[in-house]
Structures are given as C-alpha cells and as structure tokens.
Amino acid sequence: MPWLSLGVLAPGLKEWRTFRPAKPLAAGAAVFRVRPSGIEPAHRFKTYALVRFKAVIDGDPIYTPTRRVYPRSEPVVMEAPIPREVRGSGVEWRPEILKKIYRNFRGRNPEPKWRIEIEEFVRVNVAISELQFDSETTTIDREDLTMDITNAEGID
C-alpha cells in the first residue's frame, strides 16, 4: 500500500499553510502520515504545529478538528474523519498547518527551522474477479481481501 506525498512545508506562525489536495474517501476515515524533518537530537524546540483538513463546499469552509504535531524524529500516523458533506463527493480537501509557540517559551530564543511532510495512505481496491488463485489448493475468504487499518494496534 503506497503513501502519496502531499508536499513538504515549514509551518508559519500567523497563517495556515496549505498542502496539495487529497481525495476524500466514500466511507471511513482517511489515514495520513505526518513526518517532521530538519530535526536533530540536540535541538530544543519551543514550537509545535497544528494540523487540520479543509474543504470548501458552496463557498463555505468545512474543517476537521485540529491535531498537534510535535517536532520529533519519528513520523506520526493519524486518522482524519471525513465530514459527511465531503464523503465521496469529489470535493478536494487540503491539509493545513500552523505553528504555535509553547506559552512558557515566549521570547527571542533561536529555534532551528523544521518542516512537515504529509503523506496520504492510498488504498488499493482489487475486485475479487481480478484475483488469480488455484481453487484446489487455496482457500480465500472475502475478509482476507480487505484490511481495516482503523482497528490496527499502534495507530493513534
């Protein structure tokens, strides 16, 4: 199952920055991988980023709840609930990021620049008729053909 990059951006302090659009699914939640980059173990950060998804329908913006992303070296996998109005409609929705400063770290302490890459998990749908197997030696159930990653352990 491939990950499709939606871009790499440095979060801004006063404005939401927008990534390339993602295609909403007809059902369920979309899965994204958020990768902070430009991070070294010795760096001390005074900021974090907020990530949300935005769709515009008939001129009205629709937002998902925001999630915090901290500047860590490991990627974070997150689910984004798709609003009912957007599901399967073909309306593009875009991830947005905004940098926030911890309340206790206000001031002029220099901080290394860091960036965020957001990748969309692309689900591959294969029809049962397209699968080839030897019916005498292979048993296959419909449940074996799909994987519901929303119930997998270790996903936030």
N, C-alpha and C. Protein backbone atom coordinates (compact mmCIF):
# COMPACT_ATOMS: atom_id res chain seq x y z
N MET A 1 0.84 -1.16 0.00
CA MET A 1 0.00 0.00 0.00
C MET A 1 0.90 1.24 0.00
N PRO A 2 0.80 2.05 -0.99
CA PRO A 2 1.72 3.19 -1.11
C PRO A 2 1.26 4.42 -0.33
N TRP A 3 2.23 5.25 0.00
CA TRP A 3 1.98 6.55 0.58
C TRP A 3 2.22 7.58 -0.50
N LEU A 4 1.32 8.53 -0.66
CA LEU A 4 1.43 9.57 -1.67
C LEU A 4 1.70 10.90 -0.96
N SER A 5 2.85 11.53 -1.27
CA SER A 5 3.24 12.78 -0.62
C SER A 5 2.37 13.93 -1.12
N LEU A 6 1.90 14.74 -0.17
CA LEU A 6 1.11 15.93 -0.49
C LEU A 6 1.96 17.19 -0.40
N GLY A 7 3.25 17.02 -0.09
CA GLY A 7 4.16 18.15 -0.07
C GLY A 7 4.90 18.28 1.25
N VAL A 8 5.89 19.19 1.26
CA VAL A 8 6.68 19.50 2.45
C VAL A 8 6.62 21.02 2.64
N LEU A 9 6.21 21.44 3.83
CA LEU A 9 6.13 22.87 4.15
C LEU A 9 6.70 23.15 5.53
N ALA A 10 7.21 24.36 5.70
CA ALA A 10 7.59 24.84 7.03
C ALA A 10 6.37 25.52 7.62
N PRO A 11 5.95 25.14 8.83
CA PRO A 11 4.76 25.78 9.40
C PRO A 11 5.01 27.26 9.68
N GLY A 12 4.01 28.09 9.44
CA GLY A 12 4.09 29.53 9.69
C GLY A 12 3.42 29.88 10.99
N LEU A 13 3.87 30.97 11.62
CA LEU A 13 3.33 31.37 12.92
C LEU A 13 1.96 32.04 12.84
N LYS A 14 1.72 32.84 11.83
CA LYS A 14 0.49 33.63 11.83
C LYS A 14 -0.49 33.23 10.75
N GLU A 15 -0.13 32.31 9.88
CA GLU A 15 -1.04 31.94 8.81
C GLU A 15 -1.01 30.43 8.59
N TRP A 16 -2.18 29.91 8.25
CA TRP A 16 -2.28 28.50 7.91
C TRP A 16 -1.64 28.29 6.54
N ARG A 17 -0.79 27.31 6.42
CA ARG A 17 -0.18 26.97 5.13
C ARG A 17 -0.83 25.70 4.62
N THR A 18 -1.09 25.69 3.32
CA THR A 18 -1.90 24.64 2.71
C THR A 18 -1.07 23.71 1.84
N PHE A 19 -1.32 22.41 1.97
CA PHE A 19 -0.67 21.38 1.16
C PHE A 19 -1.49 21.11 -0.10
N ARG A 20 -0.96 20.24 -0.96
CA ARG A 20 -1.71 19.81 -2.14
C ARG A 20 -2.96 19.06 -1.68
N PRO A 21 -3.99 19.01 -2.53
CA PRO A 21 -5.25 18.38 -2.10
C PRO A 21 -5.15 16.86 -2.01
N ALA A 22 -5.98 16.31 -1.14
CA ALA A 22 -6.14 14.86 -1.01
C ALA A 22 -7.53 14.53 -1.52
N LYS A 23 -7.74 13.28 -1.94
CA LYS A 23 -9.05 12.86 -2.43
C LYS A 23 -9.80 12.17 -1.31
N PRO A 24 -10.98 12.69 -0.94
CA PRO A 24 -11.73 12.07 0.16
C PRO A 24 -12.30 10.72 -0.25
N LEU A 25 -12.36 9.84 0.73
CA LEU A 25 -12.93 8.51 0.52
C LEU A 25 -14.45 8.57 0.64
N ALA A 26 -15.09 7.54 0.14
CA ALA A 26 -16.55 7.48 0.22
C ALA A 26 -17.02 7.11 1.63
N ALA A 27 -16.18 6.39 2.38
CA ALA A 27 -16.56 5.96 3.72
C ALA A 27 -15.32 5.83 4.58
N GLY A 28 -15.54 5.84 5.88
CA GLY A 28 -14.43 5.64 6.80
C GLY A 28 -13.63 6.91 7.02
N ALA A 29 -12.44 6.73 7.57
CA ALA A 29 -11.55 7.85 7.84
C ALA A 29 -10.32 7.74 6.95
N ALA A 30 -9.79 8.86 6.56
CA ALA A 30 -8.57 8.87 5.77
C ALA A 30 -7.38 8.75 6.71
N VAL A 31 -6.32 8.13 6.23
CA VAL A 31 -5.12 7.92 7.04
C VAL A 31 -3.98 8.72 6.43
N PHE A 32 -3.29 9.46 7.27
CA PHE A 32 -2.19 10.29 6.83
C PHE A 32 -0.98 10.03 7.70
N ARG A 33 0.20 10.19 7.10
CA ARG A 33 1.45 10.09 7.85
C ARG A 33 2.08 11.47 7.84
N VAL A 34 2.40 11.98 9.02
CA VAL A 34 2.98 13.31 9.17
C VAL A 34 4.42 13.11 9.61
N ARG A 35 5.35 13.63 8.79
CA ARG A 35 6.78 13.47 9.05
C ARG A 35 7.44 14.82 9.28
N PRO A 36 7.78 15.15 10.52
CA PRO A 36 8.61 16.33 10.74
C PRO A 36 10.02 16.06 10.23
N SER A 37 10.67 17.08 9.67
CA SER A 37 12.04 16.92 9.17
C SER A 37 12.87 18.13 9.55
N GLY A 38 14.19 18.02 9.37
CA GLY A 38 15.10 19.07 9.78
C GLY A 38 15.31 19.07 11.28
N ILE A 39 15.26 17.88 11.88
CA ILE A 39 15.32 17.75 13.33
C ILE A 39 16.56 16.96 13.72
N GLU A 40 17.29 17.48 14.67
CA GLU A 40 18.46 16.81 15.24
C GLU A 40 18.19 16.51 16.71
N PRO A 41 18.79 15.45 17.25
CA PRO A 41 18.51 15.11 18.66
C PRO A 41 18.87 16.21 19.65
N ALA A 42 19.86 17.03 19.36
CA ALA A 42 20.29 18.06 20.31
C ALA A 42 19.44 19.33 20.24
N HIS A 43 18.59 19.46 19.26
CA HIS A 43 17.77 20.66 19.11
C HIS A 43 16.73 20.75 20.22
N ARG A 44 16.51 21.98 20.66
CA ARG A 44 15.46 22.22 21.64
C ARG A 44 14.42 23.11 20.97
N PHE A 45 13.21 22.63 20.91
CA PHE A 45 12.15 23.34 20.19
C PHE A 45 11.21 24.01 21.18
N LYS A 46 10.74 25.18 20.80
CA LYS A 46 9.76 25.90 21.61
C LYS A 46 8.42 25.98 20.90
N THR A 47 8.29 25.25 19.78
CA THR A 47 7.05 25.29 19.00
C THR A 47 6.54 23.89 18.72
N TYR A 48 5.29 23.84 18.30
CA TYR A 48 4.64 22.64 17.78
C TYR A 48 3.76 23.11 16.63
N ALA A 49 3.16 22.18 15.92
CA ALA A 49 2.29 22.56 14.79
C ALA A 49 0.90 22.00 15.01
N LEU A 50 -0.08 22.71 14.48
CA LEU A 50 -1.46 22.23 14.44
C LEU A 50 -1.74 21.79 13.00
N VAL A 51 -2.38 20.65 12.85
CA VAL A 51 -2.74 20.13 11.52
C VAL A 51 -4.25 19.96 11.48
N ARG A 52 -4.86 20.45 10.40
CA ARG A 52 -6.30 20.26 10.18
C ARG A 52 -6.52 20.06 8.68
N PHE A 53 -7.73 19.66 8.33
CA PHE A 53 -8.09 19.46 6.93
C PHE A 53 -9.26 20.37 6.60
N LYS A 54 -9.21 20.95 5.40
CA LYS A 54 -10.21 21.93 5.00
C LYS A 54 -10.80 21.56 3.65
N ALA A 55 -12.11 21.68 3.53
CA ALA A 55 -12.82 21.52 2.26
C ALA A 55 -13.74 22.71 2.11
N VAL A 56 -13.95 23.14 0.88
CA VAL A 56 -14.85 24.26 0.62
C VAL A 56 -16.01 23.75 -0.24
N ILE A 57 -17.22 23.87 0.30
CA ILE A 57 -18.43 23.44 -0.41
C ILE A 57 -19.36 24.64 -0.50
N ASP A 58 -19.69 25.03 -1.72
CA ASP A 58 -20.57 26.18 -1.98
C ASP A 58 -20.07 27.44 -1.28
N GLY A 59 -18.77 27.62 -1.25
CA GLY A 59 -18.18 28.82 -0.64
C GLY A 59 -18.02 28.77 0.86
N ASP A 60 -18.53 27.71 1.50
CA ASP A 60 -18.42 27.58 2.95
C ASP A 60 -17.30 26.61 3.31
N PRO A 61 -16.32 27.03 4.12
CA PRO A 61 -15.25 26.12 4.51
C PRO A 61 -15.73 25.14 5.58
N ILE A 62 -15.26 23.91 5.48
CA ILE A 62 -15.53 22.86 6.47
C ILE A 62 -14.17 22.39 6.97
N TYR A 63 -13.98 22.35 8.30
CA TYR A 63 -12.71 21.97 8.89
C TYR A 63 -12.87 20.72 9.75
N THR A 64 -11.82 19.91 9.78
CA THR A 64 -11.77 18.80 10.73
C THR A 64 -11.16 19.33 12.02
N PRO A 65 -11.32 18.62 13.12
CA PRO A 65 -10.66 19.05 14.35
C PRO A 65 -9.13 19.06 14.16
N THR A 66 -8.46 19.99 14.85
CA THR A 66 -7.01 20.09 14.72
C THR A 66 -6.32 19.06 15.61
N ARG A 67 -5.13 18.67 15.16
CA ARG A 67 -4.28 17.76 15.93
C ARG A 67 -2.91 18.39 16.10
N ARG A 68 -2.29 18.16 17.22
CA ARG A 68 -0.94 18.68 17.47
C ARG A 68 0.10 17.73 16.89
N VAL A 69 1.13 18.33 16.30
CA VAL A 69 2.27 17.57 15.81
C VAL A 69 3.51 18.21 16.42
N TYR A 70 4.30 17.39 17.10
CA TYR A 70 5.49 17.89 17.76
C TYR A 70 6.71 17.61 16.89
N PRO A 71 7.74 18.45 16.97
CA PRO A 71 8.95 18.22 16.17
C PRO A 71 9.77 17.06 16.74
N ARG A 72 9.41 15.88 16.32
CA ARG A 72 10.11 14.65 16.73
C ARG A 72 10.64 13.98 15.49
N SER A 73 11.60 13.10 15.67
CA SER A 73 12.23 12.47 14.51
C SER A 73 11.38 11.35 13.91
N GLU A 74 10.44 10.78 14.66
CA GLU A 74 9.62 9.69 14.12
C GLU A 74 8.32 10.23 13.53
N PRO A 75 7.85 9.61 12.46
CA PRO A 75 6.59 10.06 11.85
C PRO A 75 5.38 9.68 12.72
N VAL A 76 4.30 10.41 12.52
CA VAL A 76 3.05 10.17 13.23
C VAL A 76 1.99 9.77 12.22
N VAL A 77 1.29 8.68 12.48
CA VAL A 77 0.19 8.26 11.62
C VAL A 77 -1.10 8.70 12.30
N MET A 78 -1.94 9.43 11.53
CA MET A 78 -3.19 9.93 12.11
C MET A 78 -4.35 9.68 11.17
N GLU A 79 -5.51 9.52 11.77
CA GLU A 79 -6.75 9.40 11.01
C GLU A 79 -7.42 10.76 10.96
N ALA A 80 -7.98 11.08 9.83
CA ALA A 80 -8.75 12.31 9.69
C ALA A 80 -10.18 11.92 9.36
N PRO A 81 -11.11 12.19 10.28
CA PRO A 81 -12.50 11.86 9.99
C PRO A 81 -13.01 12.71 8.83
N ILE A 82 -13.59 12.08 7.85
CA ILE A 82 -14.07 12.79 6.68
C ILE A 82 -15.47 13.31 6.98
N PRO A 83 -15.68 14.63 6.88
CA PRO A 83 -17.02 15.17 7.12
C PRO A 83 -18.05 14.57 6.18
N ARG A 84 -19.25 14.40 6.65
CA ARG A 84 -20.32 13.76 5.87
C ARG A 84 -20.55 14.45 4.53
N GLU A 85 -20.44 15.77 4.50
CA GLU A 85 -20.68 16.52 3.28
C GLU A 85 -19.62 16.26 2.21
N VAL A 86 -18.44 15.85 2.63
CA VAL A 86 -17.31 15.69 1.72
C VAL A 86 -17.17 14.26 1.20
N ARG A 87 -17.69 13.28 1.95
CA ARG A 87 -17.50 11.86 1.60
C ARG A 87 -17.97 11.55 0.19
N GLY A 88 -17.06 11.05 -0.61
CA GLY A 88 -17.39 10.58 -1.95
C GLY A 88 -17.91 11.65 -2.89
N SER A 89 -17.82 12.93 -2.52
CA SER A 89 -18.38 13.99 -3.36
C SER A 89 -17.42 14.47 -4.43
N GLY A 90 -16.14 14.09 -4.32
CA GLY A 90 -15.15 14.56 -5.27
C GLY A 90 -14.60 15.93 -4.93
N VAL A 91 -15.10 16.53 -3.84
CA VAL A 91 -14.59 17.82 -3.39
C VAL A 91 -13.20 17.61 -2.80
N GLU A 92 -12.25 18.44 -3.20
CA GLU A 92 -10.89 18.30 -2.68
C GLU A 92 -10.85 18.82 -1.25
N TRP A 93 -10.06 18.16 -0.44
CA TRP A 93 -9.79 18.70 0.88
C TRP A 93 -8.30 18.73 1.07
N ARG A 94 -7.83 19.74 1.76
CA ARG A 94 -6.40 20.02 1.86
C ARG A 94 -5.96 20.05 3.31
N PRO A 95 -4.80 19.42 3.58
CA PRO A 95 -4.23 19.59 4.92
C PRO A 95 -3.66 21.00 5.07
N GLU A 96 -3.78 21.54 6.26
CA GLU A 96 -3.22 22.85 6.58
C GLU A 96 -2.43 22.75 7.88
N ILE A 97 -1.37 23.56 8.00
CA ILE A 97 -0.57 23.57 9.22
C ILE A 97 -0.36 25.00 9.71
N LEU A 98 -0.20 25.11 11.02
CA LEU A 98 0.06 26.39 11.66
C LEU A 98 1.00 26.14 12.83
N LYS A 99 2.03 26.96 12.96
CA LYS A 99 2.99 26.81 14.06
C LYS A 99 2.50 27.58 15.28
N LYS A 100 2.65 26.96 16.43
CA LYS A 100 2.29 27.58 17.71
C LYS A 100 3.51 27.52 18.64
N ILE A 101 3.63 28.53 19.51
CA ILE A 101 4.72 28.58 20.47
C ILE A 101 4.18 28.17 21.84
N TYR A 102 4.95 27.33 22.54
CA TYR A 102 4.57 26.98 23.90
C TYR A 102 4.49 28.25 24.74
N ARG A 103 3.53 28.31 25.61
CA ARG A 103 3.30 29.51 26.43
C ARG A 103 4.53 29.88 27.26
N ASN A 104 5.24 28.90 27.78
CA ASN A 104 6.39 29.16 28.64
C ASN A 104 7.65 29.56 27.87
N PHE A 105 7.65 29.45 26.54
CA PHE A 105 8.84 29.72 25.75
C PHE A 105 8.73 31.00 24.94
N ARG A 106 7.87 31.90 25.29
CA ARG A 106 7.79 33.16 24.56
C ARG A 106 9.08 33.94 24.76
N GLY A 107 9.51 34.60 23.71
CA GLY A 107 10.75 35.36 23.79
C GLY A 107 11.53 35.20 22.50
N ARG A 108 12.80 35.50 22.55
CA ARG A 108 13.61 35.51 21.34
C ARG A 108 14.63 34.38 21.32
N ASN A 109 14.33 33.26 21.88
CA ASN A 109 15.26 32.12 21.81
C ASN A 109 15.30 31.61 20.38
N PRO A 110 16.49 31.46 19.81
CA PRO A 110 16.56 30.94 18.44
C PRO A 110 16.13 29.47 18.40
N GLU A 111 15.43 29.15 17.37
CA GLU A 111 14.97 27.76 17.19
C GLU A 111 15.35 27.31 15.79
N PRO A 112 15.81 26.07 15.65
CA PRO A 112 16.10 25.56 14.31
C PRO A 112 14.83 25.50 13.47
N LYS A 113 14.97 25.72 12.19
CA LYS A 113 13.81 25.61 11.29
C LYS A 113 13.48 24.14 11.08
N TRP A 114 12.22 23.83 11.09
CA TRP A 114 11.78 22.48 10.83
C TRP A 114 10.62 22.51 9.86
N ARG A 115 10.42 21.40 9.18
CA ARG A 115 9.40 21.28 8.15
C ARG A 115 8.52 20.06 8.44
N ILE A 116 7.41 20.02 7.73
CA ILE A 116 6.49 18.88 7.88
C ILE A 116 6.13 18.37 6.50
N GLU A 117 6.20 17.04 6.34
CA GLU A 117 5.71 16.39 5.13
C GLU A 117 4.47 15.61 5.51
N ILE A 118 3.43 15.74 4.70
CA ILE A 118 2.20 14.98 4.92
C ILE A 118 2.02 14.03 3.75
N GLU A 119 1.79 12.76 4.07
CA GLU A 119 1.58 11.73 3.05
C GLU A 119 0.21 11.11 3.26
N GLU A 120 -0.48 10.86 2.16
CA GLU A 120 -1.80 10.24 2.20
C GLU A 120 -1.64 8.75 1.95
N PHE A 121 -2.34 7.94 2.74
CA PHE A 121 -2.34 6.49 2.54
C PHE A 121 -3.32 6.18 1.42
N VAL A 122 -2.82 5.59 0.34
CA VAL A 122 -3.64 5.28 -0.83
C VAL A 122 -4.09 3.83 -0.72
N ARG A 123 -5.38 3.66 -0.62
CA ARG A 123 -5.94 2.30 -0.55
C ARG A 123 -6.13 1.77 -1.96
N VAL A 124 -5.73 0.54 -2.15
CA VAL A 124 -5.87 -0.09 -3.46
C VAL A 124 -7.05 -1.05 -3.39
N ASN A 125 -8.02 -0.83 -4.24
CA ASN A 125 -9.19 -1.72 -4.30
C ASN A 125 -9.01 -2.70 -5.44
N VAL A 126 -9.08 -3.98 -5.11
CA VAL A 126 -8.95 -5.03 -6.11
C VAL A 126 -10.22 -5.85 -6.11
N ALA A 127 -10.82 -5.99 -7.26
CA ALA A 127 -12.03 -6.80 -7.36
C ALA A 127 -11.68 -8.28 -7.19
N ILE A 128 -12.61 -9.03 -6.64
CA ILE A 128 -12.36 -10.45 -6.42
C ILE A 128 -12.13 -11.16 -7.74
N SER A 129 -12.80 -10.74 -8.79
CA SER A 129 -12.63 -11.39 -10.09
C SER A 129 -11.24 -11.19 -10.66
N GLU A 130 -10.52 -10.14 -10.21
CA GLU A 130 -9.18 -9.89 -10.72
C GLU A 130 -8.12 -10.75 -10.02
N LEU A 131 -8.47 -11.31 -8.88
CA LEU A 131 -7.50 -12.14 -8.16
C LEU A 131 -7.41 -13.50 -8.82
N GLN A 132 -6.20 -14.00 -8.91
CA GLN A 132 -5.99 -15.33 -9.50
C GLN A 132 -5.43 -16.25 -8.43
N PHE A 133 -6.07 -17.38 -8.26
CA PHE A 133 -5.57 -18.37 -7.31
C PHE A 133 -6.08 -19.72 -7.73
N ASP A 134 -5.39 -20.72 -7.26
CA ASP A 134 -5.75 -22.10 -7.56
C ASP A 134 -6.79 -22.53 -6.54
N SER A 135 -8.01 -22.76 -6.99
CA SER A 135 -9.11 -23.06 -6.08
C SER A 135 -8.94 -24.40 -5.38
N GLU A 136 -8.10 -25.30 -5.93
CA GLU A 136 -7.92 -26.60 -5.28
C GLU A 136 -6.99 -26.50 -4.08
N THR A 137 -6.04 -25.59 -4.11
CA THR A 137 -5.07 -25.52 -3.02
C THR A 137 -5.22 -24.28 -2.16
N THR A 138 -5.95 -23.30 -2.61
CA THR A 138 -6.05 -22.04 -1.87
C THR A 138 -7.49 -21.81 -1.43
N THR A 139 -7.63 -21.49 -0.17
CA THR A 139 -8.94 -21.07 0.31
C THR A 139 -8.84 -19.58 0.61
N ILE A 140 -9.83 -18.86 0.21
CA ILE A 140 -9.80 -17.42 0.39
C ILE A 140 -11.18 -16.95 0.80
N ASP A 141 -11.21 -16.11 1.79
CA ASP A 141 -12.46 -15.52 2.25
C ASP A 141 -12.49 -14.05 1.85
N ARG A 142 -13.66 -13.51 1.77
CA ARG A 142 -13.80 -12.09 1.44
C ARG A 142 -13.09 -11.24 2.51
N GLU A 143 -13.11 -11.69 3.75
CA GLU A 143 -12.46 -10.93 4.82
C GLU A 143 -10.95 -10.86 4.62
N ASP A 144 -10.36 -11.85 3.95
CA ASP A 144 -8.92 -11.85 3.73
C ASP A 144 -8.51 -10.81 2.71
N LEU A 145 -9.43 -10.34 1.88
CA LEU A 145 -9.08 -9.42 0.81
C LEU A 145 -9.03 -7.97 1.25
N THR A 146 -9.64 -7.65 2.37
CA THR A 146 -9.64 -6.27 2.83
C THR A 146 -8.93 -6.17 4.16
N MET A 147 -8.35 -5.01 4.38
CA MET A 147 -7.67 -4.79 5.64
C MET A 147 -8.20 -3.49 6.23
N ASP A 148 -8.79 -3.57 7.38
CA ASP A 148 -9.29 -2.39 8.04
C ASP A 148 -8.22 -1.89 8.98
N ILE A 149 -7.47 -0.87 8.55
CA ILE A 149 -6.35 -0.38 9.37
C ILE A 149 -6.81 0.53 10.49
N THR A 150 -8.10 0.87 10.51
CA THR A 150 -8.56 1.75 11.58
C THR A 150 -8.58 1.02 12.93
N ASN A 151 -8.59 -0.30 12.93
CA ASN A 151 -8.61 -1.07 14.16
C ASN A 151 -7.24 -1.65 14.49
N ALA A 152 -6.23 -1.32 13.72
CA ALA A 152 -4.90 -1.88 13.94
C ALA A 152 -4.29 -1.28 15.19
N GLU A 153 -3.54 -2.08 15.90
CA GLU A 153 -2.88 -1.60 17.11
C GLU A 153 -1.72 -0.70 16.73
N GLY A 154 -1.47 0.30 17.53
CA GLY A 154 -0.33 1.17 17.33
C GLY A 154 -0.64 2.41 16.51
N ILE A 155 -1.85 2.55 16.00
CA ILE A 155 -2.23 3.74 15.25
C ILE A 155 -2.93 4.69 16.20
N ASP A 156 -2.48 5.92 16.24
CA ASP A 156 -3.08 6.92 17.14
C ASP A 156 -4.50 7.22 16.77
